[in-house]
Every structure is written in C-alpha cells, then in structure tokens.
Amino acid sequence: MPYAPPYIDYMQGHSLSHGGAYRKPSPRKLLDKYREYEEALSMSQTPKTVTDLEEKFNKEIEKRDYIITGMEERIKKLEVEMATLGNIKELVAVVEKVKEEKARAEA
C-alpha cells in the first residue's frame, strides 16, 4: 500500500496528526477498519498477494462506479423534471396574468 490510511497508522501504534484531536477513530470504526485491513496488519497471517488486493479494490471501484452512474442518471432525470416545473410555473404566471386582464376588461 503506497498510502496508509490514518486508521492503519493508528493501529500500528503511530501517533495521529494533531495528537488525534481531529481524527481519533471510534472503537467501532476501528474494529470495522481492522477487519477490512486485517491481512495488512496481522503478522501471524501471510498477507494476500497484490493481485488479490487489486481484485478487492477493483470490485469496490466497480461497485462505486455503478452507484455513481445511477446517481448521475437520477440527477439528469431530476434536472429535466425541474425544467418542466419551471415551464409549468411560467405558464401558471401567464394564465394568472390573462385572468387578471380579463377581470379588468369585464369590470
């Protein structure tokens, strides 16, 4: 791993930046992260191969890409709906104006 997340440093006994004042992990989060990076932290187990780690990270990247793609599609749909609502709002304003003019003309 070229960059060790702060949790890994902390679990290896390194001090956190700023004395941990801003990024001290909760015990639950530490446990979750330990489970995630156990093979990198454990000395009793042989670490997974680089290929295994690459596969794990690639699967995570694919999962996130899928989520991002879905969000992008949803944003596009919402943008279209917002534009439609903007058009409806303009039409309602025109109808109200016509009603006012008609009421004045009849008075």
C-alpha atoms as a PDB file:
ATOM      1  CA  MET A   1       0.000   0.000   0.000  1.00  0.00           C
ATOM      2  CA  PRO A   2       1.666   3.248  -1.067  1.00  0.00           C
ATOM      3  CA  TYR A   3      -0.559   5.299   1.242  1.00  0.00           C
ATOM      4  CA  ALA A   4      -1.624   4.001   4.621  1.00  0.00           C
ATOM      5  CA  PRO A   5      -4.967   5.356   5.817  1.00  0.00           C
ATOM      6  CA  PRO A   6      -4.810   7.058   9.236  1.00  0.00           C
ATOM      7  CA  TYR A   7      -6.575   4.070  10.818  1.00  0.00           C
ATOM      8  CA  ILE A   8      -3.763   1.747   9.772  1.00  0.00           C
ATOM      9  CA  ASP A   9      -1.133   4.073  11.214  1.00  0.00           C
ATOM     10  CA  TYR A  10      -3.108   4.306  14.446  1.00  0.00           C
ATOM     11  CA  MET A  11      -3.473   0.512  14.721  1.00  0.00           C
ATOM     12  CA  GLN A  12       0.266   0.119  14.153  1.00  0.00           C
ATOM     13  CA  GLY A  13       0.910   2.338  17.159  1.00  0.00           C
ATOM     14  CA  HIS A  14       1.796   5.507  15.263  1.00  0.00           C
ATOM     15  CA  SER A  15       0.535   8.785  16.624  1.00  0.00           C
ATOM     16  CA  LEU A  16      -2.169  10.624  14.741  1.00  0.00           C
ATOM     17  CA  SER A  17      -1.593  14.092  13.359  1.00  0.00           C
ATOM     18  CA  HIS A  18      -2.543  16.900  15.751  1.00  0.00           C
ATOM     19  CA  GLY A  19      -2.478  14.366  18.577  1.00  0.00           C
ATOM     20  CA  GLY A  20      -5.651  12.761  17.233  1.00  0.00           C
ATOM     21  CA  ALA A  21      -7.703  15.823  18.165  1.00  0.00           C
ATOM     22  CA  TYR A  22      -9.490  15.871  14.828  1.00  0.00           C
ATOM     23  CA  ARG A  23      -9.391  12.314  13.547  1.00  0.00           C
ATOM     24  CA  LYS A  24      -9.408   9.946  16.520  1.00  0.00           C
ATOM     25  CA  PRO A  25     -11.465   6.966  15.386  1.00  0.00           C
ATOM     26  CA  SER A  26     -14.260   5.482  17.462  1.00  0.00           C
ATOM     27  CA  PRO A  27     -13.742   1.924  18.783  1.00  0.00           C
ATOM     28  CA  ARG A  28     -16.493   0.621  16.464  1.00  0.00           C
ATOM     29  CA  LYS A  29     -14.895   2.275  13.438  1.00  0.00           C
ATOM     30  CA  LEU A  30     -11.502   0.901  14.466  1.00  0.00           C
ATOM     31  CA  LEU A  31     -12.902  -2.621  14.651  1.00  0.00           C
ATOM     32  CA  ASP A  32     -14.534  -2.276  11.243  1.00  0.00           C
ATOM     33  CA  LYS A  33     -11.337  -0.921   9.704  1.00  0.00           C
ATOM     34  CA  TYR A  34      -9.258  -3.604  11.410  1.00  0.00           C
ATOM     35  CA  ARG A  35     -11.450  -6.272   9.868  1.00  0.00           C
ATOM     36  CA  GLU A  36     -11.091  -4.569   6.486  1.00  0.00           C
ATOM     37  CA  TYR A  37      -7.288  -4.325   6.664  1.00  0.00           C
ATOM     38  CA  GLU A  38      -6.581  -7.325   8.897  1.00  0.00           C
ATOM     39  CA  GLU A  39      -4.348  -9.044   6.379  1.00  0.00           C
ATOM     40  CA  ALA A  40      -2.150  -5.953   6.130  1.00  0.00           C
ATOM     41  CA  LEU A  41      -1.939  -5.526   9.915  1.00  0.00           C
ATOM     42  CA  SER A  42      -1.602  -9.107  11.071  1.00  0.00           C
ATOM     43  CA  MET A  43       1.845 -10.591  11.444  1.00  0.00           C
ATOM     44  CA  SER A  44       0.576 -14.111  12.055  1.00  0.00           C
ATOM     45  CA  GLN A  45      -1.083 -14.409   8.675  1.00  0.00           C
ATOM     46  CA  THR A  46       0.591 -14.212   5.343  1.00  0.00           C
ATOM     47  CA  PRO A  47      -0.583 -11.110   3.536  1.00  0.00           C
ATOM     48  CA  LYS A  48      -2.713 -11.505   0.466  1.00  0.00           C
ATOM     49  CA  THR A  49      -0.990 -11.128  -2.828  1.00  0.00           C
ATOM     50  CA  VAL A  50      -1.037  -7.854  -4.653  1.00  0.00           C
ATOM     51  CA  THR A  51      -3.341  -9.433  -7.221  1.00  0.00           C
ATOM     52  CA  ASP A  52      -5.867 -10.378  -4.527  1.00  0.00           C
ATOM     53  CA  LEU A  53      -5.801  -6.854  -3.149  1.00  0.00           C
ATOM     54  CA  GLU A  54      -6.143  -5.375  -6.636  1.00  0.00           C
ATOM     55  CA  GLU A  55      -9.175  -7.580  -7.276  1.00  0.00           C
ATOM     56  CA  LYS A  56     -10.754  -6.498  -3.998  1.00  0.00           C
ATOM     57  CA  PHE A  57     -10.173  -2.827  -4.747  1.00  0.00           C
ATOM     58  CA  ASN A  58     -11.302  -3.188  -8.362  1.00  0.00           C
ATOM     59  CA  LYS A  59     -14.569  -4.755  -7.189  1.00  0.00           C
ATOM     60  CA  GLU A  60     -15.042  -1.858  -4.775  1.00  0.00           C
ATOM     61  CA  ILE A  61     -14.314   0.639  -7.556  1.00  0.00           C
ATOM     62  CA  GLU A  62     -16.794  -1.112  -9.874  1.00  0.00           C
ATOM     63  CA  LYS A  63     -19.427  -1.011  -7.136  1.00  0.00           C
ATOM     64  CA  ARG A  64     -18.862   2.703  -6.575  1.00  0.00           C
ATOM     65  CA  ASP A  65     -18.852   3.406 -10.318  1.00  0.00           C
ATOM     66  CA  TYR A  66     -22.218   1.617 -10.583  1.00  0.00           C
ATOM     67  CA  ILE A  67     -23.607   3.743  -7.744  1.00  0.00           C
ATOM     68  CA  ILE A  68     -22.225   6.941  -9.276  1.00  0.00           C
ATOM     69  CA  THR A  69     -23.691   6.085 -12.690  1.00  0.00           C
ATOM     70  CA  GLY A  70     -27.098   5.537 -11.094  1.00  0.00           C
ATOM     71  CA  MET A  71     -26.837   8.847  -9.270  1.00  0.00           C
ATOM     72  CA  GLU A  72     -25.834  10.662 -12.456  1.00  0.00           C
ATOM     73  CA  GLU A  73     -28.886   9.229 -14.245  1.00  0.00           C
ATOM     74  CA  ARG A  74     -31.126  10.262 -11.358  1.00  0.00           C
ATOM     75  CA  ILE A  75     -29.673  13.778 -11.383  1.00  0.00           C
ATOM     76  CA  LYS A  76     -30.356  14.072 -15.126  1.00  0.00           C
ATOM     77  CA  LYS A  77     -33.973  12.999 -14.597  1.00  0.00           C
ATOM     78  CA  LEU A  78     -34.379  15.480 -11.761  1.00  0.00           C
ATOM     79  CA  GLU A  79     -32.908  18.261 -13.888  1.00  0.00           C
ATOM     80  CA  VAL A  80     -35.470  17.519 -16.619  1.00  0.00           C
ATOM     81  CA  GLU A  81     -38.262  17.492 -14.039  1.00  0.00           C
ATOM     82  CA  MET A  82     -37.050  20.802 -12.592  1.00  0.00           C
ATOM     83  CA  ALA A  83     -37.010  22.363 -16.064  1.00  0.00           C
ATOM     84  CA  THR A  84     -40.548  21.075 -16.650  1.00  0.00           C
ATOM     85  CA  LEU A  85     -41.695  22.502 -13.331  1.00  0.00           C
ATOM     86  CA  GLY A  86     -40.085  25.809 -14.276  1.00  0.00           C
ATOM     87  CA  ASN A  87     -42.082  25.823 -17.533  1.00  0.00           C
ATOM     88  CA  ILE A  88     -45.287  24.999 -15.660  1.00  0.00           C
ATOM     89  CA  LYS A  89     -44.594  27.832 -13.226  1.00  0.00           C
ATOM     90  CA  GLU A  90     -44.168  30.248 -16.128  1.00  0.00           C
ATOM     91  CA  LEU A  91     -47.429  29.025 -17.733  1.00  0.00           C
ATOM     92  CA  VAL A  92     -49.302  29.460 -14.444  1.00  0.00           C
ATOM     93  CA  ALA A  93     -47.984  33.029 -14.233  1.00  0.00           C
ATOM     94  CA  VAL A  94     -49.199  33.710 -17.790  1.00  0.00           C
ATOM     95  CA  VAL A  95     -52.637  32.225 -17.025  1.00  0.00           C
ATOM     96  CA  GLU A  96     -52.907  34.344 -13.867  1.00  0.00           C
ATOM     97  CA  LYS A  97     -51.957  37.444 -15.837  1.00  0.00           C
ATOM     98  CA  VAL A  98     -54.576  36.657 -18.515  1.00  0.00           C
ATOM     99  CA  LYS A  99     -57.212  36.137 -15.791  1.00  0.00           C
ATOM    100  CA  GLU A 100     -56.342  39.499 -14.224  1.00  0.00           C
ATOM    101  CA  GLU A 101     -56.527  41.246 -17.589  1.00  0.00           C
ATOM    102  CA  LYS A 102     -59.856  39.565 -18.370  1.00  0.00           C
ATOM    103  CA  ALA A 103     -61.230  40.596 -14.940  1.00  0.00           C
ATOM    104  CA  ARG A 104     -60.150  44.212 -15.528  1.00  0.00           C
ATOM    105  CA  ALA A 105     -61.689  44.221 -19.007  1.00  0.00           C
ATOM    106  CA  GLU A 106     -65.005  42.916 -17.671  1.00  0.00           C
ATOM    107  CA  ALA A 107     -65.097  45.474 -14.859  1.00  0.00           C
END
